[in-house]
C-alpha atoms as a PDB file:
ATOM      1  CA  UNK A   1       0.093  -0.219   0.286  1.00  0.00           C
ATOM      2  CA  UNK A   2       1.066   3.120  -0.723  1.00  0.00           C
ATOM      3  CA  UNK A   3       2.107   6.218   1.105  1.00  0.00           C
ATOM      4  CA  UNK A   4      -0.879   8.288  -0.845  1.00  0.00           C
ATOM      5  CA  UNK A   5      -3.868   5.561   0.118  1.00  0.00           C
ATOM      6  CA  UNK A   6      -2.576   5.221   3.726  1.00  0.00           C
ATOM      7  CA  UNK A   7      -3.652   9.025   4.131  1.00  0.00           C
ATOM      8  CA  UNK A   8      -6.625   8.628   2.299  1.00  0.00           C
ATOM      9  CA  UNK A   9      -8.039   5.737   4.721  1.00  0.00           C
ATOM     10  CA  UNK A  10      -7.108   7.533   7.870  1.00  0.00           C
ATOM     11  CA  UNK A  11      -9.342  10.442   7.040  1.00  0.00           C
ATOM     12  CA  UNK A  12     -12.050   8.039   5.931  1.00  0.00           C
ATOM     13  CA  UNK A  13     -12.593   5.853   9.231  1.00  0.00           C
ATOM     14  CA  UNK A  14     -13.316   9.284  11.356  1.00  0.00           C
ATOM     15  CA  UNK A  15     -15.816  10.686   8.578  1.00  0.00           C
ATOM     16  CA  UNK A  16     -17.904   7.138   9.606  1.00  0.00           C
ATOM     17  CA  UNK A  17     -17.092   7.064  13.106  1.00  0.00           C
ATOM     18  CA  UNK A  18     -19.042  11.256  13.626  1.00  0.00           C
ATOM     19  CA  UNK A  19     -21.415  10.077  11.573  1.00  0.00           C
ATOM     20  CA  UNK A  20     -22.541   6.904  13.326  1.00  0.00           C
ATOM     21  CA  UNK A  21     -22.824   9.099  17.096  1.00  0.00           C
ATOM     22  CA  UNK A  22     -24.626  11.521  15.103  1.00  0.00           C
ATOM     23  CA  UNK A  23     -27.299   8.861  13.589  1.00  0.00           C
ATOM     24  CA  UNK A  24     -27.525   7.187  17.530  1.00  0.00           C
ATOM     25  CA  UNK A  25     -28.160  10.580  19.162  1.00  0.00           C
ATOM     26  CA  UNK A  26     -31.823  10.499  17.819  1.00  0.00           C
ATOM     27  CA  UNK A  27     -32.798   7.667  19.083  1.00  0.00           C
ATOM     28  CA  UNK A  28     -32.124   8.224  22.676  1.00  0.00           C
ATOM     29  CA  UNK A  29     -34.055  10.820  22.978  1.00  0.00           C
ATOM     30  CA  UNK A  30     -37.328   9.493  24.427  1.00  0.00           C
ATOM     31  CA  UNK A  31     -34.994   7.537  27.110  1.00  0.00           C
ATOM     32  CA  UNK A  32     -34.974   8.604  30.829  1.00  0.00           C
ATOM     33  CA  UNK A  33     -31.687  10.308  31.524  1.00  0.00           C
ATOM     34  CA  UNK A  34     -29.244   7.906  33.490  1.00  0.00           C
ATOM     35  CA  UNK A  35     -28.703   9.166  37.520  1.00  0.00           C
ATOM     36  CA  UNK A  36     -26.237   7.313  39.295  1.00  0.00           C
ATOM     37  CA  UNK A  37     -27.407   7.371  43.295  1.00  0.00           C
ATOM     38  CA  UNK A  38     -24.929   5.574  45.630  1.00  0.00           C
ATOM     39  CA  UNK A  39     -25.402   2.510  47.346  1.00  0.00           C
ATOM     40  CA  UNK A  40     -27.935   2.450  49.890  1.00  0.00           C
ATOM     41  CA  UNK A  41     -28.704  -0.695  52.532  1.00  0.00           C
ATOM     42  CA  UNK A  42     -32.653  -1.819  52.015  1.00  0.00           C
ATOM     43  CA  UNK A  43     -33.431  -0.241  55.291  1.00  0.00           C
ATOM     44  CA  UNK A  44     -31.691   3.516  54.466  1.00  0.00           C
ATOM     45  CA  UNK A  45     -33.638   3.402  51.341  1.00  0.00           C
ATOM     46  CA  UNK A  46     -36.825   2.157  53.100  1.00  0.00           C
ATOM     47  CA  UNK A  47     -35.799   4.780  56.432  1.00  0.00           C
ATOM     48  CA  UNK A  48     -33.353   6.579  55.598  1.00  0.00           C
ATOM     49  CA  UNK A  49     -32.044   5.593  58.790  1.00  0.00           C
ATOM     50  CA  UNK A  50     -27.814   6.303  57.323  1.00  0.00           C
ATOM     51  CA  UNK A  51     -28.729   9.571  55.672  1.00  0.00           C
ATOM     52  CA  UNK A  52     -26.950  12.495  57.194  1.00  0.00           C
ATOM     53  CA  UNK A  53     -28.981  14.425  59.632  1.00  0.00           C
ATOM     54  CA  UNK A  54     -30.296  17.700  58.400  1.00  0.00           C
ATOM     55  CA  UNK A  55     -29.261  21.433  59.629  1.00  0.00           C
ATOM     56  CA  UNK A  56     -31.718  22.763  62.318  1.00  0.00           C
ATOM     57  CA  UNK A  57     -34.198  24.889  61.254  1.00  0.00           C
ATOM     58  CA  UNK A  58     -34.644  28.344  63.036  1.00  0.00           C
ATOM     59  CA  UNK A  59     -37.682  27.163  64.765  1.00  0.00           C
ATOM     60  CA  UNK A  60     -35.967  23.996  66.487  1.00  0.00           C
ATOM     61  CA  UNK A  61     -33.795  26.720  68.188  1.00  0.00           C
ATOM     62  CA  UNK A  62     -37.043  27.696  70.263  1.00  0.00           C
ATOM     63  CA  UNK A  63     -37.189  26.936  73.518  1.00  0.00           C
ATOM     64  CA  UNK A  64     -40.853  25.649  73.820  1.00  0.00           C
ATOM     65  CA  UNK A  65     -42.916  27.300  76.404  1.00  0.00           C
ATOM     66  CA  UNK A  66     -44.090  25.782  79.629  1.00  0.00           C
ATOM     67  CA  UNK A  67     -46.700  22.976  79.447  1.00  0.00           C
ATOM     68  CA  UNK A  68     -50.427  24.110  79.455  1.00  0.00           C
ATOM     69  CA  UNK A  69     -52.480  21.849  82.506  1.00  0.00           C
ATOM     70  CA  UNK A  70     -55.489  21.642  80.537  1.00  0.00           C
ATOM     71  CA  UNK A  71     -58.812  21.392  82.712  1.00  0.00           C
ATOM     72  CA  UNK A  72     -61.456  19.263  82.476  1.00  0.00           C
ATOM     73  CA  UNK A  73     -64.907  21.141  81.562  1.00  0.00           C
ATOM     74  CA  UNK A  74     -67.004  20.923  83.974  1.00  0.00           C
ATOM     75  CA  UNK A  75     -70.455  18.759  83.814  1.00  0.00           C
ATOM     76  CA  UNK A  76     -73.346  20.387  82.330  1.00  0.00           C
ATOM     77  CA  UNK A  77     -76.643  21.875  84.770  1.00  0.00           C
ATOM     78  CA  UNK A  78     -78.787  18.789  85.654  1.00  0.00           C
ATOM     79  CA  UNK A  79     -81.164  21.752  88.355  1.00  0.00           C
ATOM     80  CA  UNK A  80     -82.982  24.658  86.915  1.00  0.00           C
ATOM     81  CA  UNK A  81     -81.506  27.890  86.929  1.00  0.00           C
ATOM     82  CA  UNK A  82     -78.677  26.499  89.782  1.00  0.00           C
ATOM     83  CA  UNK A  83     -75.627  26.776  87.097  1.00  0.00           C
ATOM     84  CA  UNK A  84     -73.887  24.243  88.794  1.00  0.00           C
ATOM     85  CA  UNK A  85     -74.402  19.749  89.007  1.00  0.00           C
ATOM     86  CA  UNK A  86     -74.106  17.829  92.347  1.00  0.00           C
ATOM     87  CA  UNK A  87     -73.673  14.457  92.681  1.00  0.00           C
ATOM     88  CA  UNK A  88     -75.765  11.591  94.779  1.00  0.00           C
ATOM     89  CA  UNK A  89     -75.396  10.818  97.972  1.00  0.00           C
ATOM     90  CA  UNK A  90     -71.914  11.621  99.666  1.00  0.00           C
ATOM     91  CA  UNK A  91     -70.832  13.370  96.752  1.00  0.00           C
ATOM     92  CA  UNK A  92     -69.244  16.815  97.547  1.00  0.00           C
ATOM     93  CA  UNK A  93     -70.743  20.116  97.173  1.00  0.00           C
ATOM     94  CA  UNK A  94     -70.239  22.236  93.639  1.00  0.00           C
ATOM     95  CA  UNK A  95     -71.639  25.676  93.042  1.00  0.00           C
ATOM     96  CA  UNK A  96     -69.997  29.213  93.069  1.00  0.00           C
ATOM     97  CA  UNK A  97     -69.141  32.094  94.641  1.00  0.00           C
ATOM     98  CA  UNK A  98     -71.954  34.189  92.691  1.00  0.00           C
ATOM     99  CA  UNK A  99     -72.851  36.528  91.546  1.00  0.00           C
ATOM    100  CA  UNK A 100     -75.716  34.557  90.479  1.00  0.00           C
ATOM    101  CA  UNK A 101     -79.108  36.233  89.328  1.00  0.00           C
ATOM    102  CA  UNK A 102     -82.054  35.359  87.476  1.00  0.00           C
ATOM    103  CA  UNK A 103     -84.803  37.947  85.526  1.00  0.00           C
ATOM    104  CA  UNK A 104     -88.014  38.128  87.420  1.00  0.00           C
ATOM    105  CA  UNK A 105     -90.960  37.160  84.728  1.00  0.00           C
ATOM    106  CA  UNK A 106     -93.170  40.211  83.563  1.00  0.00           C
ATOM    107  CA  UNK A 107     -96.589  40.755  85.438  1.00  0.00           C
ATOM    108  CA  UNK A 108     -95.262  38.925  88.709  1.00  0.00           C
ATOM    109  CA  UNK A 109     -96.006  40.650  91.773  1.00  0.00           C
ATOM    110  CA  UNK A 110     -95.452  38.383  94.619  1.00  0.00           C
ATOM    111  CA  UNK A 111     -95.349  38.785  98.426  1.00  0.00           C
ATOM    112  CA  UNK A 112     -93.128  36.775 100.877  1.00  0.00           C
ATOM    113  CA  UNK A 113     -95.487  34.836 103.156  1.00  0.00           C
ATOM    114  CA  UNK A 114     -92.607  32.503 104.599  1.00  0.00           C
ATOM    115  CA  UNK A 115     -88.612  31.868 105.499  1.00  0.00           C
ATOM    116  CA  UNK A 116     -87.602  28.869 106.078  1.00  0.00           C
ATOM    117  CA  UNK A 117     -84.153  27.408 106.676  1.00  0.00           C
ATOM    118  CA  UNK A 118     -82.997  23.640 107.088  1.00  0.00           C
ATOM    119  CA  UNK A 119     -79.591  21.887 107.171  1.00  0.00           C
ATOM    120  CA  UNK A 120     -79.708  18.854 105.040  1.00  0.00           C
ATOM    121  CA  UNK A 121     -76.811  16.554 103.780  1.00  0.00           C
ATOM    122  CA  UNK A 122     -73.945  18.701 102.819  1.00  0.00           C
ATOM    123  CA  UNK A 123     -75.439  22.169 102.326  1.00  0.00           C
ATOM    124  CA  UNK A 124     -77.935  24.230 103.872  1.00  0.00           C
ATOM    125  CA  UNK A 125     -81.408  25.235 102.277  1.00  0.00           C
ATOM    126  CA  UNK A 126     -82.771  28.571 102.444  1.00  0.00           C
ATOM    127  CA  UNK A 127     -87.076  28.695 100.936  1.00  0.00           C
ATOM    128  CA  UNK A 128     -88.731  31.566 100.418  1.00  0.00           C
ATOM    129  CA  UNK A 129     -92.227  31.251  99.956  1.00  0.00           C
ATOM    130  CA  UNK A 130     -94.913  33.503  97.429  1.00  0.00           C
ATOM    131  CA  UNK A 131     -97.725  34.418  96.846  1.00  0.00           C
ATOM    132  CA  UNK A 132     -99.578  36.836  94.528  1.00  0.00           C
ATOM    133  CA  UNK A 133     -99.604  37.571  90.508  1.00  0.00           C
ATOM    134  CA  UNK A 134     -97.622  35.269  88.278  1.00  0.00           C
ATOM    135  CA  UNK A 135     -95.248  32.179  89.047  1.00  0.00           C
ATOM    136  CA  UNK A 136     -92.031  33.807  88.128  1.00  0.00           C
ATOM    137  CA  UNK A 137     -89.987  35.053  90.442  1.00  0.00           C
ATOM    138  CA  UNK A 138     -86.301  36.137  90.223  1.00  0.00           C
ATOM    139  CA  UNK A 139     -83.061  36.647  92.350  1.00  0.00           C
ATOM    140  CA  UNK A 140     -79.946  38.127  92.919  1.00  0.00           C
ATOM    141  CA  UNK A 141     -77.160  36.555  95.227  1.00  0.00           C
ATOM    142  CA  UNK A 142     -73.875  37.839  95.795  1.00  0.00           C
ATOM    143  CA  UNK A 143     -71.694  38.533  98.557  1.00  0.00           C
ATOM    144  CA  UNK A 144     -70.869  41.801 100.069  1.00  0.00           C
ATOM    145  CA  UNK A 145     -68.393  43.687 102.647  1.00  0.00           C
ATOM    146  CA  UNK A 146     -71.244  45.102 104.908  1.00  0.00           C
ATOM    147  CA  UNK A 147     -75.133  45.186 104.661  1.00  0.00           C
ATOM    148  CA  UNK A 148     -77.082  48.315 104.550  1.00  0.00           C
ATOM    149  CA  UNK A 149     -81.327  48.913 104.298  1.00  0.00           C
ATOM    150  CA  UNK A 150     -81.992  49.681 100.888  1.00  0.00           C
ATOM    151  CA  UNK A 151     -83.806  53.026 100.359  1.00  0.00           C
ATOM    152  CA  UNK A 152     -82.346  54.762 103.961  1.00  0.00           C
ATOM    153  CA  UNK A 153     -78.793  53.044 103.974  1.00  0.00           C
ATOM    154  CA  UNK A 154     -78.869  51.994 107.678  1.00  0.00           C
ATOM    155  CA  UNK A 155     -76.434  49.271 108.111  1.00  0.00           C
ATOM    156  CA  UNK A 156     -77.769  45.791 109.331  1.00  0.00           C
ATOM    157  CA  UNK A 157     -75.805  44.083 111.494  1.00  0.00           C
ATOM    158  CA  UNK A 158     -75.479  40.483 110.429  1.00  0.00           C
ATOM    159  CA  UNK A 159     -73.914  37.412 112.263  1.00  0.00           C
ATOM    160  CA  UNK A 160     -71.457  35.356 111.024  1.00  0.00           C
ATOM    161  CA  UNK A 161     -67.859  35.333 109.066  1.00  0.00           C
ATOM    162  CA  UNK A 162     -69.465  36.556 105.490  1.00  0.00           C
ATOM    163  CA  UNK A 163     -72.261  38.334 104.085  1.00  0.00           C
ATOM    164  CA  UNK A 164     -74.438  36.754 101.149  1.00  0.00           C
ATOM    165  CA  UNK A 165     -76.777  39.098  99.661  1.00  0.00           C
ATOM    166  CA  UNK A 166     -79.813  37.610  98.972  1.00  0.00           C
ATOM    167  CA  UNK A 167     -82.387  39.815  96.942  1.00  0.00           C
ATOM    168  CA  UNK A 168     -85.793  38.214  94.902  1.00  0.00           C
ATOM    169  CA  UNK A 169     -87.560  40.337  92.605  1.00  0.00           C
ATOM    170  CA  UNK A 170     -90.498  40.402  91.588  1.00  0.00           C
ATOM    171  CA  UNK A 171     -92.129  41.227  94.704  1.00  0.00           C
ATOM    172  CA  UNK A 172     -95.161  43.621  94.966  1.00  0.00           C
ATOM    173  CA  UNK A 173     -97.211  45.445  97.281  1.00  0.00           C
ATOM    174  CA  UNK A 174    -100.265  44.098  98.805  1.00  0.00           C
ATOM    175  CA  UNK A 175    -102.571  46.137  96.466  1.00  0.00           C
ATOM    176  CA  UNK A 176    -100.784  44.549  93.167  1.00  0.00           C
ATOM    177  CA  UNK A 177    -100.375  41.004  94.891  1.00  0.00           C
ATOM    178  CA  UNK A 178    -103.574  40.537  96.446  1.00  0.00           C
ATOM    179  CA  UNK A 179    -101.664  38.867 100.107  1.00  0.00           C
ATOM    180  CA  UNK A 180    -100.736  40.403 103.103  1.00  0.00           C
ATOM    181  CA  UNK A 181     -97.158  41.376 103.641  1.00  0.00           C
ATOM    182  CA  UNK A 182     -94.477  39.572 105.200  1.00  0.00           C
ATOM    183  CA  UNK A 183     -95.110  39.657 109.141  1.00  0.00           C
ATOM    184  CA  UNK A 184     -92.807  37.227 110.166  1.00  0.00           C
ATOM    185  CA  UNK A 185     -89.025  38.051 112.128  1.00  0.00           C
ATOM    186  CA  UNK A 186     -86.369  39.821 111.073  1.00  0.00           C
ATOM    187  CA  UNK A 187     -84.120  37.859 112.420  1.00  0.00           C
ATOM    188  CA  UNK A 188     -84.279  33.764 111.859  1.00  0.00           C
ATOM    189  CA  UNK A 189     -81.059  32.104 113.424  1.00  0.00           C
ATOM    190  CA  UNK A 190     -80.080  29.284 111.391  1.00  0.00           C
ATOM    191  CA  UNK A 191     -79.153  25.689 112.492  1.00  0.00           C
ATOM    192  CA  UNK A 192     -76.929  24.713 115.063  1.00  0.00           C
ATOM    193  CA  UNK A 193     -74.400  23.465 112.925  1.00  0.00           C
ATOM    194  CA  UNK A 194     -73.807  24.157 109.358  1.00  0.00           C
ATOM    195  CA  UNK A 195     -73.465  26.960 107.024  1.00  0.00           C
ATOM    196  CA  UNK A 196     -76.174  29.713 107.685  1.00  0.00           C
ATOM    197  CA  UNK A 197     -75.478  31.105 110.904  1.00  0.00           C
ATOM    198  CA  UNK A 198     -78.365  33.632 110.469  1.00  0.00           C
ATOM    199  CA  UNK A 199     -80.588  35.598 108.507  1.00  0.00           C
ATOM    200  CA  UNK A 200     -81.718  39.608 108.671  1.00  0.00           C
ATOM    201  CA  UNK A 201     -84.207  40.583 106.365  1.00  0.00           C
ATOM    202  CA  UNK A 202     -83.864  43.622 104.617  1.00  0.00           C
ATOM    203  CA  UNK A 203     -86.524  46.375 103.232  1.00  0.00           C
ATOM    204  CA  UNK A 204     -89.275  45.072 100.846  1.00  0.00           C
ATOM    205  CA  UNK A 205     -89.074  48.011  98.176  1.00  0.00           C
ATOM    206  CA  UNK A 206     -89.353  48.414  94.889  1.00  0.00           C
ATOM    207  CA  UNK A 207     -89.963  45.388  93.378  1.00  0.00           C
ATOM    208  CA  UNK A 208     -87.275  43.769  95.126  1.00  0.00           C
ATOM    209  CA  UNK A 209     -87.169  41.809  99.030  1.00  0.00           C
ATOM    210  CA  UNK A 210     -84.003  41.971 100.257  1.00  0.00           C
ATOM    211  CA  UNK A 211     -82.356  39.420 102.919  1.00  0.00           C
ATOM    212  CA  UNK A 212     -78.695  38.704 104.055  1.00  0.00           C
ATOM    213  CA  UNK A 213     -77.566  36.085 104.591  1.00  0.00           C
ATOM    214  CA  UNK A 214     -74.450  35.193 107.795  1.00  0.00           C
ATOM    215  CA  UNK A 215     -72.361  32.198 106.375  1.00  0.00           C
ATOM    216  CA  UNK A 216     -70.250  30.541 108.434  1.00  0.00           C
ATOM    217  CA  UNK A 217     -66.171  30.088 107.887  1.00  0.00           C
ATOM    218  CA  UNK A 218     -66.159  32.843 105.686  1.00  0.00           C
ATOM    219  CA  UNK A 219     -67.664  32.613 101.691  1.00  0.00           C
ATOM    220  CA  UNK A 220     -69.102  29.056 100.533  1.00  0.00           C
ATOM    221  CA  UNK A 221     -70.183  27.620  97.259  1.00  0.00           C
ATOM    222  CA  UNK A 222     -74.166  28.707  96.562  1.00  0.00           C
ATOM    223  CA  UNK A 223     -76.602  27.865  94.297  1.00  0.00           C
ATOM    224  CA  UNK A 224     -80.023  28.637  93.203  1.00  0.00           C
ATOM    225  CA  UNK A 225     -83.493  28.166  91.807  1.00  0.00           C
ATOM    226  CA  UNK A 226     -87.220  28.577  91.248  1.00  0.00           C
ATOM    227  CA  UNK A 227     -89.726  26.849  91.715  1.00  0.00           C
ATOM    228  CA  UNK A 228     -93.578  26.874  91.219  1.00  0.00           C
ATOM    229  CA  UNK A 229     -97.497  26.009  92.757  1.00  0.00           C
ATOM    230  CA  UNK A 230     -96.402  27.744  94.437  1.00  0.00           C
ATOM    231  CA  UNK A 231     -93.560  30.073  94.014  1.00  0.00           C
ATOM    232  CA  UNK A 232     -90.558  29.888  95.649  1.00  0.00           C
ATOM    233  CA  UNK A 233     -87.152  30.852  95.508  1.00  0.00           C
ATOM    234  CA  UNK A 234     -84.714  28.130  97.035  1.00  0.00           C
ATOM    235  CA  UNK A 235     -81.011  28.824  97.692  1.00  0.00           C
ATOM    236  CA  UNK A 236     -78.811  25.968  99.177  1.00  0.00           C
ATOM    237  CA  UNK A 237     -75.281  26.830 100.236  1.00  0.00           C
ATOM    238  CA  UNK A 238     -72.462  24.488 100.999  1.00  0.00           C
ATOM    239  CA  UNK A 239     -71.849  23.151 104.205  1.00  0.00           C
END
């Protein structure tokens, strides 16, 4: 083979290689790109256990606040108007320290006919008996520092360690109620034991019958409700 033929052959071979590579490029366009991944054990691939930890974010460096203890919700009241619940015999009394109030109904004009107090299992009960027009009395109950007569502002002495103002609303004059006014004692002693030391009757005026309850042992929880046939207001104070 002479030198001229060898040079011509050397030029032809690279040209053929270039054309072959260009032709293969169009056939691979639809294939997915090859990705090289490091080898992982089966556990690493599933859970990432062998992967390096990520840098902590900014929020991870913020100290958490104090843990908040959740307070369980109180059970719904099972008695009318008392806003509390009481279990069966032997259970603890559950009530409120007030204030607590209920508005009297329209057209209610009632006279106080009696005030009763008695000790029960775990609480002392006061019942205000009423009579007259309508059967929807109301009440307003709250602890006060001192007792004063409505209207005159005269102080009223009340025995006990705390004073619970007890106003019955829906009170009316005899010409509205058709019933004689209250003629009972102004001071009603409580049971020898229990939470009620005494009840002091204040003034009856402007739709309100005013009373003050002397409570033994400081402020105690109470509940209140109204009843009908005959109309009454019932106040229970925890012992």
